[in-house]
Amino acid sequence: MDKLKRHLTGGAGHLLLLAGFAAYAIWYARDAFAAQSKIQNMLLIAPASAIVLVFVVLIAFSVIRSMMRGTDVAVPDDEPRDTFQQRYGTFGASVGMAVYVIAMPFIGFDVATVVFIAASMVMQGARNWIAVLVFSLIFGLLPVWALEHVLSIPVPTLFL
């Protein structure tokens, strides 16, 4: 079992994950089309599925290239994990996502999204506060604006 786990931590595991993402995107688009093939239903689903598939192909080429070069080997499990991000990154991201979803109705989708993006960037190692602020404001408020003004979907917000 350890050989399988060690093998799947490199490029083969990444390719399997990408195949799962591609399969889900294709299934979701086909299911949505089968449920209702009108343009209103497919207006966002078809382009989103296509974007996912394009990214999957691009990332797969990158992974295959690194596998061919032999640089796809993951960090061995016996090396010490000494940074906060390496020790608690996955758990912290999971807790952050739960707090984000729970806080959204109370503080608004706009504020919760901006704070979640900023906190995620800081947890992943971003230290330029101007970049964190600008990026989180743009990519936190743009979806809220698009949902409310472009798609006319009411979402609970604090400022927008």
Protein backbone atom coordinates (compact mmCIF):
# COMPACT_ATOMS: atom_id res chain seq x y z
CA MET A 1 0.00 0.00 0.00
CA ASP A 2 2.90 2.36 0.72
CA LYS A 3 4.24 1.87 -2.80
CA LEU A 4 0.84 2.79 -4.23
CA LYS A 5 0.56 5.87 -2.02
CA ARG A 6 4.09 6.97 -2.85
CA HIS A 7 3.46 6.45 -6.59
CA LEU A 8 0.22 8.45 -6.51
CA THR A 9 1.83 11.42 -4.77
CA GLY A 10 3.73 12.28 -7.94
CA GLY A 11 2.57 12.91 -11.48
CA ALA A 12 0.37 9.82 -11.75
CA GLY A 13 -1.75 10.98 -8.84
CA HIS A 14 -2.02 14.45 -10.35
CA LEU A 15 -3.14 13.00 -13.65
CA LEU A 16 -5.78 10.86 -11.91
CA LEU A 17 -7.06 13.93 -10.07
CA LEU A 18 -7.20 15.88 -13.33
CA ALA A 19 -9.09 13.01 -14.96
CA GLY A 20 -11.59 13.15 -12.10
CA PHE A 21 -12.06 16.91 -12.59
CA ALA A 22 -12.57 16.42 -16.33
CA ALA A 23 -15.05 13.58 -15.80
CA TYR A 24 -17.03 15.66 -13.32
CA ALA A 25 -17.13 18.70 -15.63
CA ILE A 26 -18.33 16.57 -18.54
CA TRP A 27 -20.92 14.78 -16.40
CA TYR A 28 -22.22 18.03 -14.93
CA ALA A 29 -22.59 19.70 -18.34
CA ARG A 30 -24.31 16.65 -19.85
CA ASP A 31 -26.63 16.32 -16.86
CA ALA A 32 -27.57 20.00 -16.99
CA PHE A 33 -28.19 19.77 -20.73
CA ALA A 34 -30.34 16.65 -20.28
CA ALA A 35 -32.37 18.35 -17.55
CA GLN A 36 -33.04 21.49 -19.56
CA SER A 37 -31.34 22.29 -22.83
CA LYS A 38 -32.52 25.91 -22.94
CA ILE A 39 -29.94 28.65 -23.29
CA GLN A 40 -30.72 30.08 -19.83
CA ASN A 41 -29.65 26.84 -18.17
CA MET A 42 -26.52 26.38 -20.23
CA LEU A 43 -25.42 30.03 -20.29
CA LEU A 44 -22.95 29.56 -17.43
CA ILE A 45 -22.63 25.78 -17.25
CA ALA A 46 -21.30 25.18 -20.76
CA PRO A 47 -18.59 27.87 -20.66
CA ALA A 48 -17.56 26.88 -17.12
CA SER A 49 -17.24 23.26 -18.16
CA ALA A 50 -15.25 24.24 -21.23
CA ILE A 51 -12.91 26.40 -19.13
CA VAL A 52 -12.39 23.53 -16.69
CA LEU A 53 -11.56 21.17 -19.54
CA VAL A 54 -9.10 23.65 -21.07
CA PHE A 55 -7.33 24.08 -17.73
CA VAL A 56 -7.28 20.32 -17.18
CA VAL A 57 -5.60 19.79 -20.55
CA LEU A 58 -3.05 22.57 -19.95
CA ILE A 59 -2.18 21.30 -16.48
CA ALA A 60 -2.03 17.71 -17.74
CA PHE A 61 0.52 18.73 -20.38
CA SER A 62 2.58 20.41 -17.66
CA VAL A 63 2.40 17.33 -15.42
CA ILE A 64 3.31 15.00 -18.29
CA ARG A 65 6.26 17.21 -19.17
CA SER A 66 7.51 17.14 -15.58
CA MET A 67 7.03 13.36 -15.50
CA MET A 68 9.11 13.01 -18.66
CA ARG A 69 11.86 15.15 -17.10
CA GLY A 70 11.68 13.18 -13.86
CA THR A 71 10.85 16.23 -11.72
CA ASP A 72 7.42 15.04 -10.60
CA VAL A 73 8.64 13.29 -7.45
CA ALA A 74 6.86 14.48 -4.33
CA VAL A 75 8.61 15.30 -1.08
CA PRO A 76 9.20 12.08 0.88
CA ASP A 77 7.09 11.58 4.00
CA ASP A 78 10.15 11.11 6.21
CA GLU A 79 11.36 14.70 5.75
CA PRO A 80 10.50 16.98 8.66
CA ARG A 81 7.66 19.40 8.18
CA ASP A 82 8.81 22.56 9.82
CA THR A 83 6.66 25.37 8.44
CA PHE A 84 3.19 26.30 9.58
CA GLN A 85 1.88 25.96 6.04
CA GLN A 86 3.26 22.43 5.67
CA ARG A 87 1.94 21.30 9.04
CA TYR A 88 -1.47 22.93 9.15
CA GLY A 89 -2.19 24.13 5.61
CA THR A 90 -4.84 21.59 4.65
CA PHE A 91 -6.55 21.69 8.04
CA GLY A 92 -6.43 25.48 8.10
CA ALA A 93 -7.92 25.71 4.62
CA SER A 94 -10.72 23.34 5.62
CA VAL A 95 -11.52 25.30 8.77
CA GLY A 96 -11.31 28.56 6.81
CA MET A 97 -13.79 27.26 4.24
CA ALA A 98 -16.20 26.19 6.98
CA VAL A 99 -15.96 29.58 8.70
CA TYR A 100 -16.45 31.31 5.34
CA VAL A 101 -19.63 29.37 4.56
CA ILE A 102 -21.04 29.82 8.07
CA ALA A 103 -20.20 33.54 8.24
CA MET A 104 -21.55 34.39 4.79
CA PRO A 105 -25.21 34.93 5.80
CA PHE A 106 -24.20 37.02 8.81
CA ILE A 107 -21.52 39.37 7.44
CA GLY A 108 -22.52 39.22 3.79
CA PHE A 109 -21.21 37.43 0.76
CA ASP A 110 -19.06 40.41 -0.23
CA VAL A 111 -17.19 40.83 3.06
CA ALA A 112 -16.87 37.09 3.71
CA THR A 113 -15.42 36.47 0.25
CA VAL A 114 -12.86 39.30 0.48
CA VAL A 115 -11.74 38.20 3.95
CA PHE A 116 -11.55 34.53 2.91
CA ILE A 117 -9.43 35.30 -0.15
CA ALA A 118 -7.10 37.57 1.84
CA ALA A 119 -6.71 35.04 4.67
CA SER A 120 -6.07 32.23 2.18
CA MET A 121 -3.38 34.26 0.44
CA VAL A 122 -1.66 35.05 3.73
CA MET A 123 -1.83 31.40 4.82
CA GLN A 124 -0.24 30.37 1.51
CA GLY A 125 2.68 32.72 2.06
CA ALA A 126 1.73 36.03 0.44
CA ARG A 127 3.44 38.87 2.32
CA ASN A 128 2.87 41.86 0.06
CA TRP A 129 -0.11 43.46 1.79
CA ILE A 130 -0.89 45.73 -1.14
CA ALA A 131 -1.11 42.75 -3.50
CA VAL A 132 -3.22 40.82 -0.98
CA LEU A 133 -5.59 43.77 -0.55
CA VAL A 134 -5.95 44.55 -4.26
CA PHE A 135 -6.32 40.91 -5.34
CA SER A 136 -8.83 40.04 -2.61
CA LEU A 137 -10.91 43.15 -3.28
CA ILE A 138 -11.04 42.58 -7.04
CA PHE A 139 -11.66 38.84 -6.97
CA GLY A 140 -13.87 39.02 -3.89
CA LEU A 141 -16.20 41.75 -5.10
CA LEU A 142 -16.30 40.95 -8.82
CA PRO A 143 -18.31 37.71 -8.38
CA VAL A 144 -20.75 39.47 -6.05
CA TRP A 145 -21.26 42.24 -8.56
CA ALA A 146 -21.69 39.71 -11.37
CA LEU A 147 -24.23 37.68 -9.43
CA GLU A 148 -26.29 40.72 -8.47
CA HIS A 149 -26.10 42.93 -11.54
CA VAL A 150 -25.37 40.64 -14.47
CA LEU A 151 -27.36 37.57 -13.43
CA SER A 152 -29.87 39.35 -11.13
CA ILE A 153 -29.41 36.80 -8.35
CA PRO A 154 -29.99 38.27 -4.90
CA VAL A 155 -27.20 37.44 -2.46
CA PRO A 156 -26.85 38.69 1.13
CA THR A 157 -24.30 41.51 1.12
CA LEU A 158 -23.09 44.12 3.58
CA PHE A 159 -21.80 46.85 1.26
CA LEU A 160 -22.77 46.04 -2.32
